[in-house]
Structure formats: structure tokens, C-alpha cells
Amino acid sequence: MKLYRLITGPDDSAFCHRVSLALSKGWELAGSPAYAFDAKEGVMKCAQPITKVVHGVDYDPSMKLGEQ
């Protein structure tokens, strides 16, 4: 099964660490990051899609994808 996540957040080091942690757990980048200015908060926000193939597990909507 292939899992999908979209990591989002302010464009800061914490966001980069979240993506790096996911990559260290076997997730792979699935396209380019996206950036947008959040005028309400006055900050840049980013999003990075990632995917991971997990063998021997069936998809269940109650899965906590960050723990896979």
C-alpha cells in the first residue's frame, strides 16, 4: 500500500525538521514544495507532499500516518 501525507506549516526550521524526520522514517518526496503568503498571519506557509510504501498492511482511515 502507498500512503500519502501533506506536511504543512510556516516556512521555518521546524517545518524543515518535520520533513527531514519523515524522510528519515522512509517517506519520500512526492513532488515539489508549494509556498504561499498567509496575509492574515503575515508569514510564508509551505507544503510538501510525501509518500511511503508499506508492505503487509491494509489501509485503514484511522491510521496515524505520522507514526507509519
PDB file of N, CA and C in Angstrom:
ATOM      1  N   MET A   1       0.845  -1.158   0.000  1.00  0.00           N
ATOM      2  CA  MET A   1       0.000   0.000   0.000  1.00  0.00           C
ATOM      3  C   MET A   1       0.897   1.229   0.000  1.00  0.00           C
ATOM      4  N   LYS A   2       0.449   2.263  -0.675  1.00  0.00           N
ATOM      5  CA  LYS A   2       1.176   3.530  -0.704  1.00  0.00           C
ATOM      6  C   LYS A   2       0.407   4.563   0.104  1.00  0.00           C
ATOM      7  N   LEU A   3       1.080   5.154   1.080  1.00  0.00           N
ATOM      8  CA  LEU A   3       0.492   6.183   1.925  1.00  0.00           C
ATOM      9  C   LEU A   3       0.881   7.562   1.418  1.00  0.00           C
ATOM     10  N   TYR A   4       0.038   8.546   1.680  1.00  0.00           N
ATOM     11  CA  TYR A   4       0.263   9.920   1.257  1.00  0.00           C
ATOM     12  C   TYR A   4       0.069  10.855   2.441  1.00  0.00           C
ATOM     13  N   ARG A   5       0.949  11.826   2.538  1.00  0.00           N
ATOM     14  CA  ARG A   5       0.807  12.888   3.542  1.00  0.00           C
ATOM     15  C   ARG A   5       1.150  14.216   2.895  1.00  0.00           C
ATOM     16  N   LEU A   6       0.572  15.278   3.406  1.00  0.00           N
ATOM     17  CA  LEU A   6       0.933  16.625   3.001  1.00  0.00           C
ATOM     18  C   LEU A   6       1.329  17.363   4.272  1.00  0.00           C
ATOM     19  N   ILE A   7       2.626  17.590   4.398  1.00  0.00           N
ATOM     20  CA  ILE A   7       3.131  18.301   5.566  1.00  0.00           C
ATOM     21  C   ILE A   7       3.011  19.797   5.272  1.00  0.00           C
ATOM     22  N   THR A   8       2.410  20.532   6.193  1.00  0.00           N
ATOM     23  CA  THR A   8       2.219  21.962   6.001  1.00  0.00           C
ATOM     24  C   THR A   8       2.663  22.724   7.243  1.00  0.00           C
ATOM     25  N   GLY A   9       2.964  23.990   7.048  1.00  0.00           N
ATOM     26  CA  GLY A   9       3.306  24.829   8.185  1.00  0.00           C
ATOM     27  C   GLY A   9       4.035  26.077   7.758  1.00  0.00           C
ATOM     28  N   PRO A  10       4.376  26.919   8.730  1.00  0.00           N
ATOM     29  CA  PRO A  10       5.146  28.126   8.435  1.00  0.00           C
ATOM     30  C   PRO A  10       6.505  27.746   7.837  1.00  0.00           C
ATOM     31  N   ASP A  11       7.028  28.604   6.984  1.00  0.00           N
ATOM     32  CA  ASP A  11       8.335  28.367   6.366  1.00  0.00           C
ATOM     33  C   ASP A  11       9.419  28.700   7.378  1.00  0.00           C
ATOM     34  N   ASP A  12       9.721  27.708   8.236  1.00  0.00           N
ATOM     35  CA  ASP A  12      10.736  27.896   9.264  1.00  0.00           C
ATOM     36  C   ASP A  12      11.513  26.598   9.465  1.00  0.00           C
ATOM     37  N   SER A  13      12.456  26.611  10.364  1.00  0.00           N
ATOM     38  CA  SER A  13      13.289  25.420  10.569  1.00  0.00           C
ATOM     39  C   SER A  13      12.462  24.251  11.112  1.00  0.00           C
ATOM     40  N   ALA A  14      11.407  24.523  11.875  1.00  0.00           N
ATOM     41  CA  ALA A  14      10.575  23.438  12.403  1.00  0.00           C
ATOM     42  C   ALA A  14       9.919  22.663  11.264  1.00  0.00           C
ATOM     43  N   PHE A  15       9.474  23.380  10.226  1.00  0.00           N
ATOM     44  CA  PHE A  15       8.894  22.713   9.063  1.00  0.00           C
ATOM     45  C   PHE A  15       9.939  21.810   8.407  1.00  0.00           C
ATOM     46  N   CYS A  16      11.143  22.332   8.211  1.00  0.00           N
ATOM     47  CA  CYS A  16      12.213  21.540   7.594  1.00  0.00           C
ATOM     48  C   CYS A  16      12.535  20.305   8.434  1.00  0.00           C
ATOM     49  N   HIS A  17      12.522  20.448   9.748  1.00  0.00           N
ATOM     50  CA  HIS A  17      12.784  19.304  10.629  1.00  0.00           C
ATOM     51  C   HIS A  17      11.673  18.261  10.518  1.00  0.00           C
ATOM     52  N   ARG A  18      10.424  18.697  10.372  1.00  0.00           N
ATOM     53  CA  ARG A  18       9.315  17.742  10.216  1.00  0.00           C
ATOM     54  C   ARG A  18       9.469  16.945   8.924  1.00  0.00           C
ATOM     55  N   VAL A  19       9.839  17.622   7.848  1.00  0.00           N
ATOM     56  CA  VAL A  19      10.054  16.919   6.576  1.00  0.00           C
ATOM     57  C   VAL A  19      11.257  15.993   6.708  1.00  0.00           C
ATOM     58  N   SER A  20      12.337  16.467   7.295  1.00  0.00           N
ATOM     59  CA  SER A  20      13.538  15.636   7.467  1.00  0.00           C
ATOM     60  C   SER A  20      13.259  14.401   8.310  1.00  0.00           C
ATOM     61  N   LEU A  21      12.472  14.551   9.375  1.00  0.00           N
ATOM     62  CA  LEU A  21      12.113  13.412  10.212  1.00  0.00           C
ATOM     63  C   LEU A  21      11.332  12.384   9.407  1.00  0.00           C
ATOM     64  N   ALA A  22      10.373  12.845   8.615  1.00  0.00           N
ATOM     65  CA  ALA A  22       9.598  11.922   7.779  1.00  0.00           C
ATOM     66  C   ALA A  22      10.511  11.195   6.790  1.00  0.00           C
ATOM     67  N   LEU A  23      11.431  11.914   6.183  1.00  0.00           N
ATOM     68  CA  LEU A  23      12.362  11.277   5.237  1.00  0.00           C
ATOM     69  C   LEU A  23      13.223  10.226   5.949  1.00  0.00           C
ATOM     70  N   SER A  24      13.618  10.503   7.176  1.00  0.00           N
ATOM     71  CA  SER A  24      14.441   9.541   7.923  1.00  0.00           C
ATOM     72  C   SER A  24      13.656   8.287   8.296  1.00  0.00           C
ATOM     73  N   LYS A  25      12.302   8.372   8.258  1.00  0.00           N
ATOM     74  CA  LYS A  25      11.453   7.221   8.557  1.00  0.00           C
ATOM     75  C   LYS A  25      10.997   6.499   7.300  1.00  0.00           C
ATOM     76  N   GLY A  26      11.614   6.819   6.158  1.00  0.00           N
ATOM     77  CA  GLY A  26      11.324   6.091   4.930  1.00  0.00           C
ATOM     78  C   GLY A  26      10.331   6.750   3.990  1.00  0.00           C
ATOM     79  N   TRP A  27       9.786   7.910   4.360  1.00  0.00           N
ATOM     80  CA  TRP A  27       8.902   8.638   3.459  1.00  0.00           C
ATOM     81  C   TRP A  27       9.750   9.235   2.340  1.00  0.00           C
ATOM     82  N   GLU A  28       9.141   9.466   1.189  1.00  0.00           N
ATOM     83  CA  GLU A  28       9.847  10.045   0.043  1.00  0.00           C
ATOM     84  C   GLU A  28       9.108  11.283  -0.438  1.00  0.00           C
ATOM     85  N   LEU A  29       9.868  12.249  -0.943  1.00  0.00           N
ATOM     86  CA  LEU A  29       9.261  13.442  -1.520  1.00  0.00           C
ATOM     87  C   LEU A  29       8.410  13.041  -2.704  1.00  0.00           C
ATOM     88  N   ALA A  30       7.251  13.654  -2.833  1.00  0.00           N
ATOM     89  CA  ALA A  30       6.321  13.321  -3.914  1.00  0.00           C
ATOM     90  C   ALA A  30       5.942  14.595  -4.651  1.00  0.00           C
ATOM     91  N   GLY A  31       6.915  15.239  -5.210  1.00  0.00           N
ATOM     92  CA  GLY A  31       6.660  16.486  -5.916  1.00  0.00           C
ATOM     93  C   GLY A  31       7.359  17.642  -5.235  1.00  0.00           C
ATOM     94  N   SER A  32       7.184  18.783  -5.835  1.00  0.00           N
ATOM     95  CA  SER A  32       7.839  19.997  -5.340  1.00  0.00           C
ATOM     96  C   SER A  32       7.063  20.603  -4.179  1.00  0.00           C
ATOM     97  N   PRO A  33       7.762  21.336  -3.318  1.00  0.00           N
ATOM     98  CA  PRO A  33       7.056  22.047  -2.261  1.00  0.00           C
ATOM     99  C   PRO A  33       6.252  23.196  -2.850  1.00  0.00           C
ATOM    100  N   ALA A  34       5.250  23.633  -2.115  1.00  0.00           N
ATOM    101  CA  ALA A  34       4.447  24.790  -2.504  1.00  0.00           C
ATOM    102  C   ALA A  34       4.587  25.849  -1.415  1.00  0.00           C
ATOM    103  N   TYR A  35       4.578  27.104  -1.825  1.00  0.00           N
ATOM    104  CA  TYR A  35       4.707  28.219  -0.900  1.00  0.00           C
ATOM    105  C   TYR A  35       3.591  29.216  -1.162  1.00  0.00           C
ATOM    106  N   ALA A  36       3.096  29.839  -0.119  1.00  0.00           N
ATOM    107  CA  ALA A  36       2.083  30.882  -0.257  1.00  0.00           C
ATOM    108  C   ALA A  36       2.205  31.830   0.930  1.00  0.00           C
ATOM    109  N   PHE A  37       1.894  33.072   0.677  1.00  0.00           N
ATOM    110  CA  PHE A  37       1.928  34.067   1.741  1.00  0.00           C
ATOM    111  C   PHE A  37       0.579  34.080   2.453  1.00  0.00           C
ATOM    112  N   ASP A  38       0.607  33.916   3.763  1.00  0.00           N
ATOM    113  CA  ASP A  38      -0.597  33.987   4.587  1.00  0.00           C
ATOM    114  C   ASP A  38      -0.723  35.431   5.074  1.00  0.00           C
ATOM    115  N   ALA A  39      -1.549  36.214   4.388  1.00  0.00           N
ATOM    116  CA  ALA A  39      -1.680  37.637   4.695  1.00  0.00           C
ATOM    117  C   ALA A  39      -2.239  37.865   6.093  1.00  0.00           C
ATOM    118  N   LYS A  40      -3.114  36.986   6.553  1.00  0.00           N
ATOM    119  CA  LYS A  40      -3.710  37.146   7.882  1.00  0.00           C
ATOM    120  C   LYS A  40      -2.650  37.052   8.975  1.00  0.00           C
ATOM    121  N   GLU A  41      -1.731  36.074   8.823  1.00  0.00           N
ATOM    122  CA  GLU A  41      -0.680  35.885   9.826  1.00  0.00           C
ATOM    123  C   GLU A  41       0.619  36.599   9.461  1.00  0.00           C
ATOM    124  N   GLY A  42       0.726  37.045   8.207  1.00  0.00           N
ATOM    125  CA  GLY A  42       1.917  37.769   7.775  1.00  0.00           C
ATOM    126  C   GLY A  42       3.156  36.901   7.628  1.00  0.00           C
ATOM    127  N   VAL A  43       2.955  35.620   7.288  1.00  0.00           N
ATOM    128  CA  VAL A  43       4.097  34.703   7.140  1.00  0.00           C
ATOM    129  C   VAL A  43       3.947  33.870   5.871  1.00  0.00           C
ATOM    130  N   MET A  44       5.068  33.351   5.410  1.00  0.00           N
ATOM    131  CA  MET A  44       5.044  32.394   4.306  1.00  0.00           C
ATOM    132  C   MET A  44       4.697  31.028   4.882  1.00  0.00           C
ATOM    133  N   LYS A  45       3.841  30.293   4.179  1.00  0.00           N
ATOM    134  CA  LYS A  45       3.485  28.923   4.559  1.00  0.00           C
ATOM    135  C   LYS A  45       3.983  27.992   3.469  1.00  0.00           C
ATOM    136  N   CYS A  46       4.336  26.788   3.837  1.00  0.00           N
ATOM    137  CA  CYS A  46       4.783  25.808   2.850  1.00  0.00           C
ATOM    138  C   CYS A  46       4.056  24.493   3.025  1.00  0.00           C
ATOM    139  N   ALA A  47       4.122  23.715   1.963  1.00  0.00           N
ATOM    140  CA  ALA A  47       3.514  22.381   1.950  1.00  0.00           C
ATOM    141  C   ALA A  47       4.439  21.464   1.157  1.00  0.00           C
ATOM    142  N   GLN A  48       4.633  20.250   1.657  1.00  0.00           N
ATOM    143  CA  GLN A  48       5.464  19.266   0.971  1.00  0.00           C
ATOM    144  C   GLN A  48       4.738  17.932   0.958  1.00  0.00           C
ATOM    145  N   PRO A  49       4.363  17.451  -0.239  1.00  0.00           N
ATOM    146  CA  PRO A  49       3.756  16.123  -0.303  1.00  0.00           C
ATOM    147  C   PRO A  49       4.825  15.040  -0.152  1.00  0.00           C
ATOM    148  N   ILE A  50       4.467  13.985   0.561  1.00  0.00           N
ATOM    149  CA  ILE A  50       5.366  12.837   0.730  1.00  0.00           C
ATOM    150  C   ILE A  50       4.554  11.551   0.614  1.00  0.00           C
ATOM    151  N   THR A  51       5.215  10.481   0.227  1.00  0.00           N
ATOM    152  CA  THR A  51       4.581   9.171   0.133  1.00  0.00           C
ATOM    153  C   THR A  51       5.493   8.116   0.744  1.00  0.00           C
ATOM    154  N   LYS A  52       4.881   6.986   1.075  1.00  0.00           N
ATOM    155  CA  LYS A  52       5.647   5.867   1.633  1.00  0.00           C
ATOM    156  C   LYS A  52       4.935   4.571   1.275  1.00  0.00           C
ATOM    157  N   VAL A  53       5.693   3.599   0.786  1.00  0.00           N
ATOM    158  CA  VAL A  53       5.140   2.275   0.502  1.00  0.00           C
ATOM    159  C   VAL A  53       5.300   1.427   1.766  1.00  0.00           C
ATOM    160  N   VAL A  54       4.195   0.840   2.207  1.00  0.00           N
ATOM    161  CA  VAL A  54       4.194  -0.024   3.384  1.00  0.00           C
ATOM    162  C   VAL A  54       3.672  -1.384   2.947  1.00  0.00           C
ATOM    163  N   HIS A  55       4.480  -2.405   3.154  1.00  0.00           N
ATOM    164  CA  HIS A  55       4.104  -3.759   2.748  1.00  0.00           C
ATOM    165  C   HIS A  55       3.429  -4.499   3.897  1.00  0.00           C
ATOM    166  N   GLY A  56       2.465  -5.341   3.557  1.00  0.00           N
ATOM    167  CA  GLY A  56       1.818  -6.201   4.539  1.00  0.00           C
ATOM    168  C   GLY A  56       0.813  -5.513   5.436  1.00  0.00           C
ATOM    169  N   VAL A  57       0.394  -4.318   5.060  1.00  0.00           N
ATOM    170  CA  VAL A  57      -0.584  -3.577   5.851  1.00  0.00           C
ATOM    171  C   VAL A  57      -1.678  -3.099   4.914  1.00  0.00           C
ATOM    172  N   ASP A  58      -2.918  -3.231   5.351  1.00  0.00           N
ATOM    173  CA  ASP A  58      -4.037  -2.711   4.575  1.00  0.00           C
ATOM    174  C   ASP A  58      -4.371  -1.314   5.071  1.00  0.00           C
ATOM    175  N   TYR A  59      -4.801  -0.481   4.156  1.00  0.00           N
ATOM    176  CA  TYR A  59      -5.160   0.891   4.522  1.00  0.00           C
ATOM    177  C   TYR A  59      -6.374   0.903   5.446  1.00  0.00           C
ATOM    178  N   ASP A  60      -6.316   1.764   6.433  1.00  0.00           N
ATOM    179  CA  ASP A  60      -7.419   1.982   7.353  1.00  0.00           C
ATOM    180  C   ASP A  60      -7.474   3.478   7.639  1.00  0.00           C
ATOM    181  N   PRO A  61      -8.620   4.127   7.451  1.00  0.00           N
ATOM    182  CA  PRO A  61      -8.713   5.565   7.651  1.00  0.00           C
ATOM    183  C   PRO A  61      -8.350   6.029   9.062  1.00  0.00           C
ATOM    184  N   SER A  62      -8.326   5.136  10.024  1.00  0.00           N
ATOM    185  CA  SER A  62      -7.982   5.520  11.392  1.00  0.00           C
ATOM    186  C   SER A  62      -6.472   5.509  11.629  1.00  0.00           C
ATOM    187  N   MET A  63      -5.683   5.148  10.617  1.00  0.00           N
ATOM    188  CA  MET A  63      -4.221   5.114  10.772  1.00  0.00           C
ATOM    189  C   MET A  63      -3.694   6.509  11.115  1.00  0.00           C
ATOM    190  N   LYS A  64      -2.697   6.537  11.960  1.00  0.00           N
ATOM    191  CA  LYS A  64      -1.982   7.778  12.235  1.00  0.00           C
ATOM    192  C   LYS A  64      -0.774   7.765  11.304  1.00  0.00           C
ATOM    193  N   LEU A  65      -0.902   8.477  10.178  1.00  0.00           N
ATOM    194  CA  LEU A  65       0.114   8.409   9.134  1.00  0.00           C
ATOM    195  C   LEU A  65       1.483   8.843   9.610  1.00  0.00           C
ATOM    196  N   GLY A  66       1.560   9.786  10.514  1.00  0.00           N
ATOM    197  CA  GLY A  66       2.847  10.241  11.027  1.00  0.00           C
ATOM    198  C   GLY A  66       3.586   9.181  11.808  1.00  0.00           C
ATOM    199  N   GLU A  67       2.903   8.143  12.245  1.00  0.00           N
ATOM    200  CA  GLU A  67       3.529   7.066  13.020  1.00  0.00           C
ATOM    201  C   GLU A  67       3.941   5.903  12.145  1.00  0.00           C
ATOM    202  N   GLN A  68       3.648   5.970  10.861  1.00  0.00           N
ATOM    203  CA  GLN A  68       3.991   4.864   9.948  1.00  0.00           C
ATOM    204  C   GLN A  68       5.428   4.964   9.505  1.00  0.00           C
TER     205      GLN A  68
END
